C-alpha cells in the first residue's frame, strides 16, 4: 500500500514537472517567434538611422561647397 502512495506521489510530481516544461517551451517559442524578430528589426532600424545621421554632415558640406545648378 505504501508503494502505491509513493508511486502516486511520483506520478503527480512528474505531471507537475511536465506542465512546467510545457510552459517553459511555450515561452521560449514566443521569444523566438515574436520578441527576437522585433528586437532584430529595432536593431536594424537603429543602424540605418545611425548611418544616415553619420552621412548627413558630409552631404551638407558637399551641398555648401558645390555651385548651384540652374
N, C-alpha and C. Protein backbone atom coordinates (compact mmCIF):
# COMPACT_ATOMS: atom_id res chain seq x y z
N UNK A 1 0.82 -1.19 0.00
CA UNK A 1 0.00 0.00 0.00
C UNK A 1 0.86 1.26 0.00
N UNK A 2 1.94 1.27 0.81
CA UNK A 2 2.83 2.44 0.85
C UNK A 2 3.49 2.67 -0.50
N UNK A 3 3.76 1.58 -1.19
CA UNK A 3 4.37 1.69 -2.51
C UNK A 3 3.43 2.39 -3.49
N UNK A 4 2.15 2.08 -3.42
CA UNK A 4 1.17 2.73 -4.28
C UNK A 4 1.09 4.24 -3.99
N UNK A 5 1.14 4.59 -2.73
CA UNK A 5 1.09 6.01 -2.35
C UNK A 5 2.33 6.73 -2.88
N UNK A 6 3.46 6.09 -2.76
CA UNK A 6 4.71 6.70 -3.25
C UNK A 6 4.68 6.84 -4.78
N UNK A 7 4.17 5.81 -5.47
CA UNK A 7 4.05 5.88 -6.93
C UNK A 7 3.09 6.99 -7.35
N UNK A 8 1.98 7.13 -6.65
CA UNK A 8 1.03 8.20 -6.96
C UNK A 8 1.66 9.57 -6.73
N UNK A 9 2.44 9.67 -5.68
CA UNK A 9 3.13 10.93 -5.40
C UNK A 9 4.14 11.25 -6.50
N UNK A 10 4.88 10.26 -6.94
CA UNK A 10 5.84 10.45 -8.03
C UNK A 10 5.13 10.83 -9.33
N UNK A 11 4.00 10.19 -9.58
CA UNK A 11 3.25 10.50 -10.80
C UNK A 11 2.77 11.95 -10.77
N UNK A 12 2.29 12.40 -9.64
CA UNK A 12 1.86 13.79 -9.50
C UNK A 12 3.03 14.74 -9.71
N UNK A 13 4.17 14.40 -9.15
CA UNK A 13 5.35 15.25 -9.32
C UNK A 13 5.77 15.30 -10.79
N UNK A 14 5.71 14.17 -11.48
CA UNK A 14 6.07 14.14 -12.90
C UNK A 14 5.09 14.95 -13.74
N UNK A 15 3.81 14.88 -13.43
CA UNK A 15 2.82 15.66 -14.16
C UNK A 15 3.03 17.17 -13.95
N UNK A 16 3.36 17.55 -12.72
CA UNK A 16 3.64 18.95 -12.44
C UNK A 16 4.88 19.41 -13.19
N UNK A 17 5.90 18.58 -13.20
CA UNK A 17 7.13 18.90 -13.93
C UNK A 17 6.86 18.99 -15.43
N UNK A 18 6.04 18.10 -15.95
CA UNK A 18 5.68 18.10 -17.37
C UNK A 18 4.98 19.41 -17.74
N UNK A 19 4.06 19.86 -16.91
CA UNK A 19 3.37 21.13 -17.18
C UNK A 19 4.34 22.31 -17.14
N UNK A 20 5.27 22.29 -16.20
CA UNK A 20 6.26 23.36 -16.12
C UNK A 20 7.15 23.39 -17.36
N UNK A 21 7.52 22.22 -17.84
CA UNK A 21 8.35 22.14 -19.06
C UNK A 21 7.57 22.65 -20.27
N UNK A 22 6.30 22.29 -20.38
CA UNK A 22 5.48 22.76 -21.49
C UNK A 22 5.34 24.29 -21.46
N UNK A 23 5.12 24.84 -20.28
CA UNK A 23 5.00 26.29 -20.14
C UNK A 23 6.30 26.97 -20.55
N UNK A 24 7.42 26.42 -20.11
CA UNK A 24 8.71 26.98 -20.47
C UNK A 24 8.94 26.91 -21.97
N UNK A 25 8.57 25.81 -22.59
CA UNK A 25 8.72 25.68 -24.05
C UNK A 25 7.88 26.71 -24.79
N UNK A 26 6.66 26.96 -24.30
CA UNK A 26 5.82 27.97 -24.94
C UNK A 26 6.45 29.35 -24.83
N UNK A 27 7.03 29.65 -23.69
CA UNK A 27 7.69 30.95 -23.50
C UNK A 27 8.90 31.09 -24.42
N UNK A 28 9.67 30.04 -24.54
CA UNK A 28 10.84 30.07 -25.43
C UNK A 28 10.39 30.25 -26.87
N UNK A 29 9.35 29.56 -27.28
CA UNK A 29 8.83 29.70 -28.64
C UNK A 29 8.34 31.12 -28.89
N UNK A 30 7.69 31.71 -27.90
CA UNK A 30 7.22 33.09 -28.05
C UNK A 30 8.40 34.05 -28.19
N UNK A 31 9.45 33.82 -27.42
CA UNK A 31 10.64 34.66 -27.54
C UNK A 31 11.25 34.53 -28.93
N UNK A 32 11.34 33.30 -29.42
CA UNK A 32 11.95 33.06 -30.74
C UNK A 32 11.11 33.63 -31.88
N UNK A 33 9.80 33.53 -31.77
CA UNK A 33 8.96 33.91 -32.91
C UNK A 33 8.42 35.33 -32.83
N UNK A 34 8.42 35.96 -31.66
CA UNK A 34 7.86 37.31 -31.54
C UNK A 34 8.91 38.32 -31.08
N UNK A 35 9.48 38.09 -29.93
CA UNK A 35 10.36 39.09 -29.33
C UNK A 35 11.67 39.22 -30.11
N UNK A 36 12.28 38.12 -30.48
CA UNK A 36 13.55 38.16 -31.19
C UNK A 36 13.44 38.91 -32.52
N UNK A 37 12.43 38.61 -33.37
CA UNK A 37 12.32 39.38 -34.61
C UNK A 37 12.07 40.87 -34.37
N UNK A 38 11.30 41.21 -33.34
CA UNK A 38 11.07 42.62 -33.03
C UNK A 38 12.38 43.31 -32.67
N UNK A 39 13.19 42.66 -31.85
CA UNK A 39 14.47 43.24 -31.46
C UNK A 39 15.41 43.35 -32.66
N UNK A 40 15.40 42.35 -33.53
CA UNK A 40 16.25 42.41 -34.72
C UNK A 40 15.83 43.57 -35.63
N UNK A 41 14.52 43.78 -35.78
CA UNK A 41 14.04 44.91 -36.58
C UNK A 41 14.43 46.25 -35.95
N UNK A 42 14.34 46.34 -34.65
CA UNK A 42 14.72 47.57 -33.95
C UNK A 42 16.20 47.84 -34.13
N UNK A 43 17.03 46.82 -34.01
CA UNK A 43 18.47 46.98 -34.19
C UNK A 43 18.78 47.44 -35.62
N UNK A 44 18.13 46.84 -36.60
CA UNK A 44 18.34 47.23 -38.00
C UNK A 44 17.94 48.68 -38.22
N UNK A 45 16.83 49.09 -37.64
CA UNK A 45 16.37 50.48 -37.78
C UNK A 45 17.38 51.44 -37.16
N UNK A 46 17.87 51.11 -35.97
CA UNK A 46 18.85 51.97 -35.30
C UNK A 46 20.13 52.09 -36.13
N UNK A 47 20.56 50.97 -36.73
CA UNK A 47 21.77 51.01 -37.56
C UNK A 47 21.58 51.91 -38.77
N UNK A 48 20.41 51.82 -39.41
CA UNK A 48 20.14 52.67 -40.59
C UNK A 48 20.11 54.13 -40.17
N UNK A 49 19.44 54.43 -39.08
CA UNK A 49 19.36 55.82 -38.61
C UNK A 49 20.75 56.36 -38.25
N UNK A 50 21.57 55.54 -37.62
CA UNK A 50 22.93 55.97 -37.28
C UNK A 50 23.75 56.22 -38.54
N UNK A 51 23.60 55.36 -39.53
CA UNK A 51 24.31 55.56 -40.79
C UNK A 51 23.86 56.84 -41.47
N UNK A 52 22.57 57.07 -41.54
CA UNK A 52 22.06 58.29 -42.16
C UNK A 52 22.53 59.53 -41.40
N UNK A 53 22.54 59.44 -40.09
CA UNK A 53 23.00 60.58 -39.29
C UNK A 53 24.48 60.84 -39.53
N UNK A 54 25.27 59.80 -39.70
CA UNK A 54 26.71 59.99 -39.93
C UNK A 54 26.98 60.54 -41.32
N UNK A 55 26.09 60.27 -42.28
CA UNK A 55 26.27 60.76 -43.64
C UNK A 55 25.73 62.18 -43.82
N UNK A 56 24.86 62.64 -42.98
CA UNK A 56 24.22 63.95 -43.13
C UNK A 56 25.23 65.09 -43.17
N UNK A 57 26.23 65.18 -42.29
CA UNK A 57 27.18 66.30 -42.36
C UNK A 57 27.96 66.32 -43.68
N UNK A 58 28.28 65.16 -44.22
CA UNK A 58 29.02 65.09 -45.48
C UNK A 58 28.18 65.66 -46.61
N UNK A 59 26.91 65.31 -46.66
CA UNK A 59 26.06 65.81 -47.74
C UNK A 59 25.79 67.29 -47.57
N UNK A 60 25.72 67.80 -46.34
CA UNK A 60 25.54 69.24 -46.14
C UNK A 60 26.78 70.01 -46.56
N UNK A 61 27.96 69.46 -46.27
CA UNK A 61 29.20 70.11 -46.70
C UNK A 61 29.30 70.12 -48.21
N UNK A 62 28.94 68.99 -48.81
CA UNK A 62 29.01 68.89 -50.26
C UNK A 62 28.05 69.90 -50.90
N UNK A 63 26.86 70.04 -50.37
CA UNK A 63 25.88 70.97 -50.91
C UNK A 63 26.35 72.41 -50.73
N UNK A 64 27.04 72.70 -49.65
CA UNK A 64 27.51 74.06 -49.41
C UNK A 64 28.69 74.43 -50.29
N UNK A 65 29.51 73.46 -50.67
CA UNK A 65 30.71 73.78 -51.45
C UNK A 65 30.49 73.71 -52.96
N UNK A 66 29.47 73.00 -53.41
CA UNK A 66 29.21 72.89 -54.84
C UNK A 66 28.43 74.12 -55.31
N UNK A 67 28.71 74.60 -56.50
CA UNK A 67 27.93 75.73 -57.03
C UNK A 67 26.52 75.28 -57.36
N UNK A 68 25.59 76.21 -57.27
CA UNK A 68 24.19 75.90 -57.55
C UNK A 68 24.02 75.62 -59.02
N UNK A 69 23.22 74.63 -59.34
CA UNK A 69 22.96 74.26 -60.72
C UNK A 69 21.68 74.94 -61.18
N UNK A 70 21.67 75.40 -62.42
CA UNK A 70 20.46 76.03 -62.94
C UNK A 70 19.82 75.19 -64.00
